[in-house]
Amino acid sequence: MTDDLRVERGDGVVEVTFDRPHRHNAFTTAMYAGMRDLCAELRDDTSVKVVVLRGAGGRAFAAGNEITDFLSADAVEYETWIRELLEALFALPQVTIAAVDGVCVGGGLAVATHCDLRIATRHSRFGYPIARTLGNALSSSIVYRCAAVFGESLTREMLLTSRLCDADRAYAVGALMAVTDDLSGEVATVVDGLRHASGVTLRATKRQLLARARLLEANPDFDEALLHEVYTGPDFAEGVRAFVAKEKPKFA
């Protein structure tokens, strides 16, 4: 693991902390690689029942990706590489919990929606404001997963208007299992219950739900060509330029 990705192991539980509070825990390539390695390690580990993911600092779960990483990679290949990590996270046999405290947007929201359960503090906010920031696009399966968790109407609102959704509204549509003033306490209570649950039942249920999701949320045939068009187009170039220059982008 990297210094920005802390992994702690306890009795049947693995806790993962995104530790870049100075950058609102934005994901780097190294952090994604660390998560991929961890997912590969946990895939066949029946001694672990629960994986908890959280952000450090109290201001963000994760605020998207480190944009400068796009500058040194093929953007479409990078997007595909991230999608593969998300699919591996979603396919884990363990119950995954996103413990959200603060902003959860972009790549952070993608990770949270690929977890089984989400618990958040009252000041947390969720969204994909990419139409007002980078001018890029998401893999279709990431959009579909968001719609499965937040509902299609709210997903359309988050993506098309770039508005963020607060924790109370996310709870109202079922995207969160709890909104709490004591995040650590609430997560500990849920984890304790899962520790005493049948691992056979948990794994069987997750396998069934995974099969359903894969049937309903598969990437369409046009997705790679669409992403290539977006990432090689003028809006993404302007979005990256403006981000690096710390300016507002001027999209056509």
C-alpha atoms as a PDB file:
ATOM      1  CA  MET A   1       0.000   0.000   0.000  1.00  0.00           C
ATOM      2  CA  THR A   2       1.011   3.632  -0.455  1.00  0.00           C
ATOM      3  CA  ASP A   3       1.243   6.276   2.251  1.00  0.00           C
ATOM      4  CA  ASP A   4      -2.017   7.712   0.869  1.00  0.00           C
ATOM      5  CA  LEU A   5      -3.861   4.399   1.269  1.00  0.00           C
ATOM      6  CA  ARG A   6      -3.812   2.964   4.779  1.00  0.00           C
ATOM      7  CA  VAL A   7      -5.016  -0.599   5.378  1.00  0.00           C
ATOM      8  CA  GLU A   8      -5.691  -1.946   8.868  1.00  0.00           C
ATOM      9  CA  ARG A   9      -6.760  -5.488   9.676  1.00  0.00           C
ATOM     10  CA  GLY A  10      -8.798  -6.598  12.661  1.00  0.00           C
ATOM     11  CA  ASP A  11     -11.031  -9.500  13.658  1.00  0.00           C
ATOM     12  CA  GLY A  12     -12.687 -10.363  10.348  1.00  0.00           C
ATOM     13  CA  VAL A  13     -12.552  -6.730   9.208  1.00  0.00           C
ATOM     14  CA  VAL A  14     -10.303  -4.765   6.874  1.00  0.00           C
ATOM     15  CA  GLU A  15     -10.406  -0.961   7.123  1.00  0.00           C
ATOM     16  CA  VAL A  16      -9.148   1.140   4.209  1.00  0.00           C
ATOM     17  CA  THR A  17      -8.480   4.858   4.680  1.00  0.00           C
ATOM     18  CA  PHE A  18      -7.906   7.296   1.831  1.00  0.00           C
ATOM     19  CA  ASP A  19      -5.335   9.585   3.396  1.00  0.00           C
ATOM     20  CA  ARG A  20      -4.805  12.710   1.271  1.00  0.00           C
ATOM     21  CA  PRO A  21      -6.846  15.245   3.236  1.00  0.00           C
ATOM     22  CA  HIS A  22      -4.894  18.157   1.737  1.00  0.00           C
ATOM     23  CA  ARG A  23      -6.351  17.111  -1.658  1.00  0.00           C
ATOM     24  CA  HIS A  24      -9.754  16.038  -0.299  1.00  0.00           C
ATOM     25  CA  ASN A  25      -8.513  12.443  -0.663  1.00  0.00           C
ATOM     26  CA  ALA A  26      -8.554  12.585  -4.472  1.00  0.00           C
ATOM     27  CA  PHE A  27      -7.465   9.236  -5.872  1.00  0.00           C
ATOM     28  CA  THR A  28      -4.033   8.869  -7.441  1.00  0.00           C
ATOM     29  CA  THR A  29      -2.930   6.121  -9.802  1.00  0.00           C
ATOM     30  CA  ALA A  30      -0.955   4.588  -6.934  1.00  0.00           C
ATOM     31  CA  MET A  31      -4.045   4.548  -4.698  1.00  0.00           C
ATOM     32  CA  TYR A  32      -6.110   2.841  -7.388  1.00  0.00           C
ATOM     33  CA  ALA A  33      -3.314   0.307  -7.889  1.00  0.00           C
ATOM     34  CA  GLY A  34      -3.242  -0.356  -4.153  1.00  0.00           C
ATOM     35  CA  MET A  35      -6.986  -0.931  -4.098  1.00  0.00           C
ATOM     36  CA  ARG A  36      -6.714  -3.301  -7.067  1.00  0.00           C
ATOM     37  CA  ASP A  37      -4.039  -5.314  -5.252  1.00  0.00           C
ATOM     38  CA  LEU A  38      -6.148  -5.403  -2.091  1.00  0.00           C
ATOM     39  CA  CYS A  39      -9.222  -6.625  -3.980  1.00  0.00           C
ATOM     40  CA  ALA A  40      -7.154  -9.390  -5.578  1.00  0.00           C
ATOM     41  CA  GLU A  41      -5.873 -10.369  -2.138  1.00  0.00           C
ATOM     42  CA  LEU A  42      -9.351 -10.434  -0.551  1.00  0.00           C
ATOM     43  CA  ARG A  43     -11.119 -12.212  -3.391  1.00  0.00           C
ATOM     44  CA  ASP A  44     -10.594 -15.682  -1.877  1.00  0.00           C
ATOM     45  CA  ASP A  45     -10.106 -14.707   1.775  1.00  0.00           C
ATOM     46  CA  THR A  46     -13.004 -16.208   3.758  1.00  0.00           C
ATOM     47  CA  SER A  47     -11.505 -15.041   7.061  1.00  0.00           C
ATOM     48  CA  VAL A  48     -12.589 -11.461   6.265  1.00  0.00           C
ATOM     49  CA  LYS A  49     -16.302 -10.665   6.379  1.00  0.00           C
ATOM     50  CA  VAL A  50     -16.302  -6.876   6.139  1.00  0.00           C
ATOM     51  CA  VAL A  51     -14.323  -4.183   4.308  1.00  0.00           C
ATOM     52  CA  VAL A  52     -14.803  -0.575   5.465  1.00  0.00           C
ATOM     53  CA  LEU A  53     -13.654   2.321   3.279  1.00  0.00           C
ATOM     54  CA  ARG A  54     -13.351   5.874   4.600  1.00  0.00           C
ATOM     55  CA  GLY A  55     -11.614   9.170   3.932  1.00  0.00           C
ATOM     56  CA  ALA A  56      -9.282  10.965   6.321  1.00  0.00           C
ATOM     57  CA  GLY A  57      -9.708  14.502   7.585  1.00  0.00           C
ATOM     58  CA  GLY A  58     -13.475  14.843   8.101  1.00  0.00           C
ATOM     59  CA  ARG A  59     -14.011  16.930   4.955  1.00  0.00           C
ATOM     60  CA  ALA A  60     -14.191  14.320   2.204  1.00  0.00           C
ATOM     61  CA  PHE A  61     -14.640  10.638   1.492  1.00  0.00           C
ATOM     62  CA  ALA A  62     -12.904  11.306  -1.819  1.00  0.00           C
ATOM     63  CA  ALA A  63     -13.216  14.226  -4.217  1.00  0.00           C
ATOM     64  CA  GLY A  64     -12.740  12.440  -7.523  1.00  0.00           C
ATOM     65  CA  ASN A  65      -9.452  11.606  -9.205  1.00  0.00           C
ATOM     66  CA  GLU A  66      -6.136  13.439  -9.234  1.00  0.00           C
ATOM     67  CA  ILE A  67      -6.635  15.178 -12.574  1.00  0.00           C
ATOM     68  CA  THR A  68      -2.941  15.542 -13.358  1.00  0.00           C
ATOM     69  CA  ASP A  69      -2.768  11.740 -13.651  1.00  0.00           C
ATOM     70  CA  PHE A  70      -4.790  12.044 -16.848  1.00  0.00           C
ATOM     71  CA  LEU A  71      -1.994  14.097 -18.385  1.00  0.00           C
ATOM     72  CA  SER A  72       0.449  11.195 -18.264  1.00  0.00           C
ATOM     73  CA  ALA A  73      -1.915   8.460 -19.467  1.00  0.00           C
ATOM     74  CA  ASP A  74      -4.305   7.588 -22.266  1.00  0.00           C
ATOM     75  CA  ALA A  75      -7.547   8.871 -20.740  1.00  0.00           C
ATOM     76  CA  VAL A  76      -9.762   6.128 -22.178  1.00  0.00           C
ATOM     77  CA  GLU A  77      -7.376   3.392 -21.038  1.00  0.00           C
ATOM     78  CA  TYR A  78      -7.167   5.033 -17.605  1.00  0.00           C
ATOM     79  CA  GLU A  79     -10.978   5.172 -17.362  1.00  0.00           C
ATOM     80  CA  THR A  80     -11.146   1.480 -18.326  1.00  0.00           C
ATOM     81  CA  TRP A  81      -8.478   0.600 -15.735  1.00  0.00           C
ATOM     82  CA  ILE A  82     -10.488   2.395 -13.036  1.00  0.00           C
ATOM     83  CA  ARG A  83     -13.688   0.635 -14.132  1.00  0.00           C
ATOM     84  CA  GLU A  84     -11.951  -2.726 -13.753  1.00  0.00           C
ATOM     85  CA  LEU A  85     -11.003  -1.812 -10.174  1.00  0.00           C
ATOM     86  CA  LEU A  86     -14.587  -0.812  -9.413  1.00  0.00           C
ATOM     87  CA  GLU A  87     -15.858  -4.099 -10.804  1.00  0.00           C
ATOM     88  CA  ALA A  88     -13.365  -5.981  -8.621  1.00  0.00           C
ATOM     89  CA  LEU A  89     -14.521  -4.018  -5.558  1.00  0.00           C
ATOM     90  CA  PHE A  90     -18.166  -4.713  -6.362  1.00  0.00           C
ATOM     91  CA  ALA A  91     -17.446  -8.438  -6.851  1.00  0.00           C
ATOM     92  CA  LEU A  92     -15.733  -8.927  -3.478  1.00  0.00           C
ATOM     93  CA  PRO A  93     -17.373 -11.680  -1.409  1.00  0.00           C
ATOM     94  CA  GLN A  94     -17.054  -9.519   1.710  1.00  0.00           C
ATOM     95  CA  VAL A  95     -19.664  -6.925   2.683  1.00  0.00           C
ATOM     96  CA  THR A  96     -18.247  -3.515   1.749  1.00  0.00           C
ATOM     97  CA  ILE A  97     -19.187  -0.336   3.608  1.00  0.00           C
ATOM     98  CA  ALA A  98     -18.481   3.225   2.481  1.00  0.00           C
ATOM     99  CA  ALA A  99     -18.225   5.406   5.600  1.00  0.00           C
ATOM    100  CA  VAL A 100     -18.738   8.877   4.146  1.00  0.00           C
ATOM    101  CA  ASP A 101     -17.791  12.036   6.026  1.00  0.00           C
ATOM    102  CA  GLY A 102     -17.932  15.068   3.747  1.00  0.00           C
ATOM    103  CA  VAL A 103     -17.681  15.413  -0.017  1.00  0.00           C
ATOM    104  CA  CYS A 104     -18.153  12.241  -2.053  1.00  0.00           C
ATOM    105  CA  VAL A 105     -17.943  13.141  -5.728  1.00  0.00           C
ATOM    106  CA  GLY A 106     -16.518  11.860  -8.997  1.00  0.00           C
ATOM    107  CA  GLY A 107     -14.296   8.848  -8.418  1.00  0.00           C
ATOM    108  CA  GLY A 108     -15.214   8.947  -4.744  1.00  0.00           C
ATOM    109  CA  LEU A 109     -18.892   8.476  -5.559  1.00  0.00           C
ATOM    110  CA  ALA A 110     -18.021   5.711  -8.024  1.00  0.00           C
ATOM    111  CA  VAL A 111     -16.228   3.836  -5.232  1.00  0.00           C
ATOM    112  CA  ALA A 112     -19.075   4.454  -2.769  1.00  0.00           C
ATOM    113  CA  THR A 113     -21.759   3.213  -5.176  1.00  0.00           C
ATOM    114  CA  HIS A 114     -19.750   0.041  -5.810  1.00  0.00           C
ATOM    115  CA  CYS A 115     -19.892  -0.729  -2.096  1.00  0.00           C
ATOM    116  CA  ASP A 116     -22.781  -2.717  -0.618  1.00  0.00           C
ATOM    117  CA  LEU A 117     -23.696  -0.226   2.100  1.00  0.00           C
ATOM    118  CA  ARG A 118     -23.229   3.496   2.630  1.00  0.00           C
ATOM    119  CA  ILE A 119     -23.343   5.366   5.943  1.00  0.00           C
ATOM    120  CA  ALA A 120     -22.806   9.124   6.038  1.00  0.00           C
ATOM    121  CA  THR A 121     -22.582  12.141   8.295  1.00  0.00           C
ATOM    122  CA  ARG A 122     -25.172  14.899   7.929  1.00  0.00           C
ATOM    123  CA  HIS A 123     -22.841  17.317   6.171  1.00  0.00           C
ATOM    124  CA  SER A 124     -21.913  14.808   3.451  1.00  0.00           C
ATOM    125  CA  ARG A 125     -22.699  15.573  -0.199  1.00  0.00           C
ATOM    126  CA  PHE A 126     -22.738  13.421  -3.301  1.00  0.00           C
ATOM    127  CA  GLY A 127     -22.532  14.029  -7.036  1.00  0.00           C
ATOM    128  CA  TYR A 128     -20.842  13.999 -10.413  1.00  0.00           C
ATOM    129  CA  PRO A 129     -20.281  17.692 -11.321  1.00  0.00           C
ATOM    130  CA  ILE A 130     -18.164  16.764 -14.362  1.00  0.00           C
ATOM    131  CA  ALA A 131     -20.266  18.763 -16.840  1.00  0.00           C
ATOM    132  CA  ARG A 132     -19.155  21.949 -15.051  1.00  0.00           C
ATOM    133  CA  THR A 133     -15.566  20.923 -14.320  1.00  0.00           C
ATOM    134  CA  LEU A 134     -13.726  18.559 -16.687  1.00  0.00           C
ATOM    135  CA  GLY A 135     -16.123  18.042 -19.566  1.00  0.00           C
ATOM    136  CA  ASN A 136     -15.427  14.303 -19.536  1.00  0.00           C
ATOM    137  CA  ALA A 137     -17.776  11.317 -19.300  1.00  0.00           C
ATOM    138  CA  LEU A 138     -18.145   8.199 -17.179  1.00  0.00           C
ATOM    139  CA  SER A 139     -18.147   4.587 -18.271  1.00  0.00           C
ATOM    140  CA  SER A 140     -21.740   3.491 -18.799  1.00  0.00           C
ATOM    141  CA  SER A 141     -21.523   0.862 -16.076  1.00  0.00           C
ATOM    142  CA  ILE A 142     -20.593   3.570 -13.542  1.00  0.00           C
ATOM    143  CA  VAL A 143     -23.621   5.634 -14.583  1.00  0.00           C
ATOM    144  CA  TYR A 144     -25.847   2.551 -14.323  1.00  0.00           C
ATOM    145  CA  ARG A 145     -24.499   1.711 -10.858  1.00  0.00           C
ATOM    146  CA  CYS A 146     -25.254   5.248  -9.695  1.00  0.00           C
ATOM    147  CA  ALA A 147     -28.796   4.928 -11.063  1.00  0.00           C
ATOM    148  CA  ALA A 148     -29.203   1.591  -9.264  1.00  0.00           C
ATOM    149  CA  VAL A 149     -28.212   3.205  -5.946  1.00  0.00           C
ATOM    150  CA  PHE A 150     -29.657   6.741  -6.205  1.00  0.00           C
ATOM    151  CA  GLY A 151     -32.435   6.141  -8.731  1.00  0.00           C
ATOM    152  CA  GLU A 152     -32.527   7.337 -12.320  1.00  0.00           C
ATOM    153  CA  SER A 153     -34.131  10.738 -11.666  1.00  0.00           C
ATOM    154  CA  LEU A 154     -31.562  11.808  -9.077  1.00  0.00           C
ATOM    155  CA  THR A 155     -28.711  10.399 -11.179  1.00  0.00           C
ATOM    156  CA  ARG A 156     -29.899  12.475 -14.134  1.00  0.00           C
ATOM    157  CA  GLU A 157     -30.061  15.551 -11.903  1.00  0.00           C
ATOM    158  CA  MET A 158     -26.561  15.041 -10.490  1.00  0.00           C
ATOM    159  CA  LEU A 159     -24.969  14.459 -13.904  1.00  0.00           C
ATOM    160  CA  LEU A 160     -26.927  16.922 -16.049  1.00  0.00           C
ATOM    161  CA  THR A 161     -27.161  19.881 -13.635  1.00  0.00           C
ATOM    162  CA  SER A 162     -23.902  19.230 -11.688  1.00  0.00           C
ATOM    163  CA  ARG A 163     -25.843  19.708  -8.457  1.00  0.00           C
ATOM    164  CA  LEU A 164     -24.731  17.850  -5.357  1.00  0.00           C
ATOM    165  CA  CYS A 165     -27.158  15.786  -3.314  1.00  0.00           C
ATOM    166  CA  ASP A 166     -27.159  16.164   0.471  1.00  0.00           C
ATOM    167  CA  ALA A 167     -27.185  13.251   2.910  1.00  0.00           C
ATOM    168  CA  ASP A 168     -30.839  13.589   3.897  1.00  0.00           C
ATOM    169  CA  ARG A 169     -31.992  13.359   0.293  1.00  0.00           C
ATOM    170  CA  ALA A 170     -29.640  10.447  -0.380  1.00  0.00           C
ATOM    171  CA  TYR A 171     -31.109   8.649   2.615  1.00  0.00           C
ATOM    172  CA  ALA A 172     -34.653   9.397   1.451  1.00  0.00           C
ATOM    173  CA  VAL A 173     -34.049   7.628  -1.881  1.00  0.00           C
ATOM    174  CA  GLY A 174     -32.371   4.654  -0.192  1.00  0.00           C
ATOM    175  CA  ALA A 175     -28.794   5.393  -1.259  1.00  0.00           C
ATOM    176  CA  LEU A 176     -27.693   5.536   2.403  1.00  0.00           C
ATOM    177  CA  MET A 177     -28.560   3.039   5.107  1.00  0.00           C
ATOM    178  CA  ALA A 178     -28.039   5.669   7.808  1.00  0.00           C
ATOM    179  CA  VAL A 179     -27.281   9.347   8.369  1.00  0.00           C
ATOM    180  CA  THR A 180     -25.546   9.877  11.676  1.00  0.00           C
ATOM    181  CA  ASP A 181     -23.712  12.316  13.933  1.00  0.00           C
ATOM    182  CA  ASP A 182     -21.529   9.424  15.148  1.00  0.00           C
ATOM    183  CA  LEU A 183     -20.086   7.828  12.028  1.00  0.00           C
ATOM    184  CA  SER A 184     -17.551   5.628  13.803  1.00  0.00           C
ATOM    185  CA  GLY A 185     -20.172   4.378  16.265  1.00  0.00           C
ATOM    186  CA  GLU A 186     -22.740   3.614  13.581  1.00  0.00           C
ATOM    187  CA  VAL A 187     -20.188   1.788  11.422  1.00  0.00           C
ATOM    188  CA  ALA A 188     -18.980  -0.205  14.451  1.00  0.00           C
ATOM    189  CA  THR A 189     -22.547  -1.314  15.203  1.00  0.00           C
ATOM    190  CA  VAL A 190     -23.112  -2.506  11.637  1.00  0.00           C
ATOM    191  CA  VAL A 191     -19.726  -4.243  11.513  1.00  0.00           C
ATOM    192  CA  ASP A 192     -20.416  -6.032  14.796  1.00  0.00           C
ATOM    193  CA  GLY A 193     -23.690  -7.377  13.404  1.00  0.00           C
ATOM    194  CA  LEU A 194     -21.968  -8.573  10.249  1.00  0.00           C
ATOM    195  CA  ARG A 195     -19.258 -10.312  12.278  1.00  0.00           C
ATOM    196  CA  HIS A 196     -21.969 -12.492  13.826  1.00  0.00           C
ATOM    197  CA  ALA A 197     -23.788 -13.161  10.548  1.00  0.00           C
ATOM    198  CA  SER A 198     -23.402 -16.316   8.478  1.00  0.00           C
ATOM    199  CA  GLY A 199     -20.539 -15.895   6.049  1.00  0.00           C
ATOM    200  CA  VAL A 200     -22.192 -18.465   3.776  1.00  0.00           C
ATOM    201  CA  THR A 201     -25.377 -16.394   3.611  1.00  0.00           C
ATOM    202  CA  LEU A 202     -23.507 -13.157   2.995  1.00  0.00           C
ATOM    203  CA  ARG A 203     -21.396 -14.594   0.185  1.00  0.00           C
ATOM    204  CA  ALA A 204     -24.345 -16.358  -1.471  1.00  0.00           C
ATOM    205  CA  THR A 205     -26.465 -13.201  -1.365  1.00  0.00           C
ATOM    206  CA  LYS A 206     -23.677 -11.090  -2.796  1.00  0.00           C
ATOM    207  CA  ARG A 207     -23.159 -13.581  -5.630  1.00  0.00           C
ATOM    208  CA  GLN A 208     -26.860 -13.415  -6.525  1.00  0.00           C
ATOM    209  CA  LEU A 209     -26.947  -9.613  -6.476  1.00  0.00           C
ATOM    210  CA  LEU A 210     -23.742  -9.425  -8.521  1.00  0.00           C
ATOM    211  CA  ALA A 211     -25.281 -11.598 -11.239  1.00  0.00           C
ATOM    212  CA  ARG A 212     -28.313  -9.303 -11.394  1.00  0.00           C
ATOM    213  CA  ALA A 213     -26.180  -6.168 -11.586  1.00  0.00           C
ATOM    214  CA  ARG A 214     -23.989  -7.579 -14.348  1.00  0.00           C
ATOM    215  CA  LEU A 215     -27.090  -8.406 -16.375  1.00  0.00           C
ATOM    216  CA  LEU A 216     -28.618  -4.937 -15.983  1.00  0.00           C
ATOM    217  CA  GLU A 217     -25.526  -2.713 -15.907  1.00  0.00           C
ATOM    218  CA  ALA A 218     -23.235  -4.030 -18.641  1.00  0.00           C
ATOM    219  CA  ASN A 219     -21.417  -1.487 -20.797  1.00  0.00           C
ATOM    220  CA  PRO A 220     -23.093  -1.068 -24.214  1.00  0.00           C
ATOM    221  CA  ASP A 221     -21.167  -1.788 -27.415  1.00  0.00           C
ATOM    222  CA  PHE A 222     -20.686   1.905 -28.215  1.00  0.00           C
ATOM    223  CA  ASP A 223     -19.157   2.843 -24.859  1.00  0.00           C
ATOM    224  CA  GLU A 224     -15.441   2.674 -25.738  1.00  0.00           C
ATOM    225  CA  ALA A 225     -15.905   4.696 -28.936  1.00  0.00           C
ATOM    226  CA  LEU A 226     -18.001   7.259 -27.070  1.00  0.00           C
ATOM    227  CA  LEU A 227     -15.401   7.687 -24.337  1.00  0.00           C
ATOM    228  CA  HIS A 228     -12.630   8.017 -26.930  1.00  0.00           C
ATOM    229  CA  GLU A 229     -14.595  10.788 -28.644  1.00  0.00           C
ATOM    230  CA  VAL A 230     -15.136  12.607 -25.345  1.00  0.00           C
ATOM    231  CA  TYR A 231     -11.564  12.306 -24.067  1.00  0.00           C
ATOM    232  CA  THR A 232     -10.005  13.401 -27.352  1.00  0.00           C
ATOM    233  CA  GLY A 233     -12.484  16.249 -27.816  1.00  0.00           C
ATOM    234  CA  PRO A 234     -12.210  19.990 -27.134  1.00  0.00           C
ATOM    235  CA  ASP A 235     -14.256  20.076 -23.920  1.00  0.00           C
ATOM    236  CA  PHE A 236     -12.018  17.665 -22.020  1.00  0.00           C
ATOM    237  CA  ALA A 237      -8.925  19.491 -23.258  1.00  0.00           C
ATOM    238  CA  GLU A 238     -10.414  22.753 -21.986  1.00  0.00           C
ATOM    239  CA  GLY A 239     -11.433  21.176 -18.691  1.00  0.00           C
ATOM    240  CA  VAL A 240      -7.928  19.896 -17.992  1.00  0.00           C
ATOM    241  CA  ARG A 241      -6.360  23.213 -19.092  1.00  0.00           C
ATOM    242  CA  ALA A 242      -8.644  25.169 -16.775  1.00  0.00           C
ATOM    243  CA  PHE A 243      -8.064  22.792 -13.868  1.00  0.00           C
ATOM    244  CA  VAL A 244      -4.285  23.045 -14.142  1.00  0.00           C
ATOM    245  CA  ALA A 245      -4.526  26.838 -14.499  1.00  0.00           C
ATOM    246  CA  LYS A 246      -7.010  27.016 -11.581  1.00  0.00           C
ATOM    247  CA  GLU A 247      -9.567  28.739 -13.806  1.00  0.00           C
ATOM    248  CA  LYS A 248     -13.194  28.087 -14.664  1.00  0.00           C
ATOM    249  CA  PRO A 249     -13.474  26.154 -17.938  1.00  0.00           C
ATOM    250  CA  LYS A 250     -15.052  27.842 -20.953  1.00  0.00           C
ATOM    251  CA  PHE A 251     -16.966  25.125 -22.753  1.00  0.00           C
ATOM    252  CA  ALA A 252     -18.508  25.677 -26.190  1.00  0.00           C
END
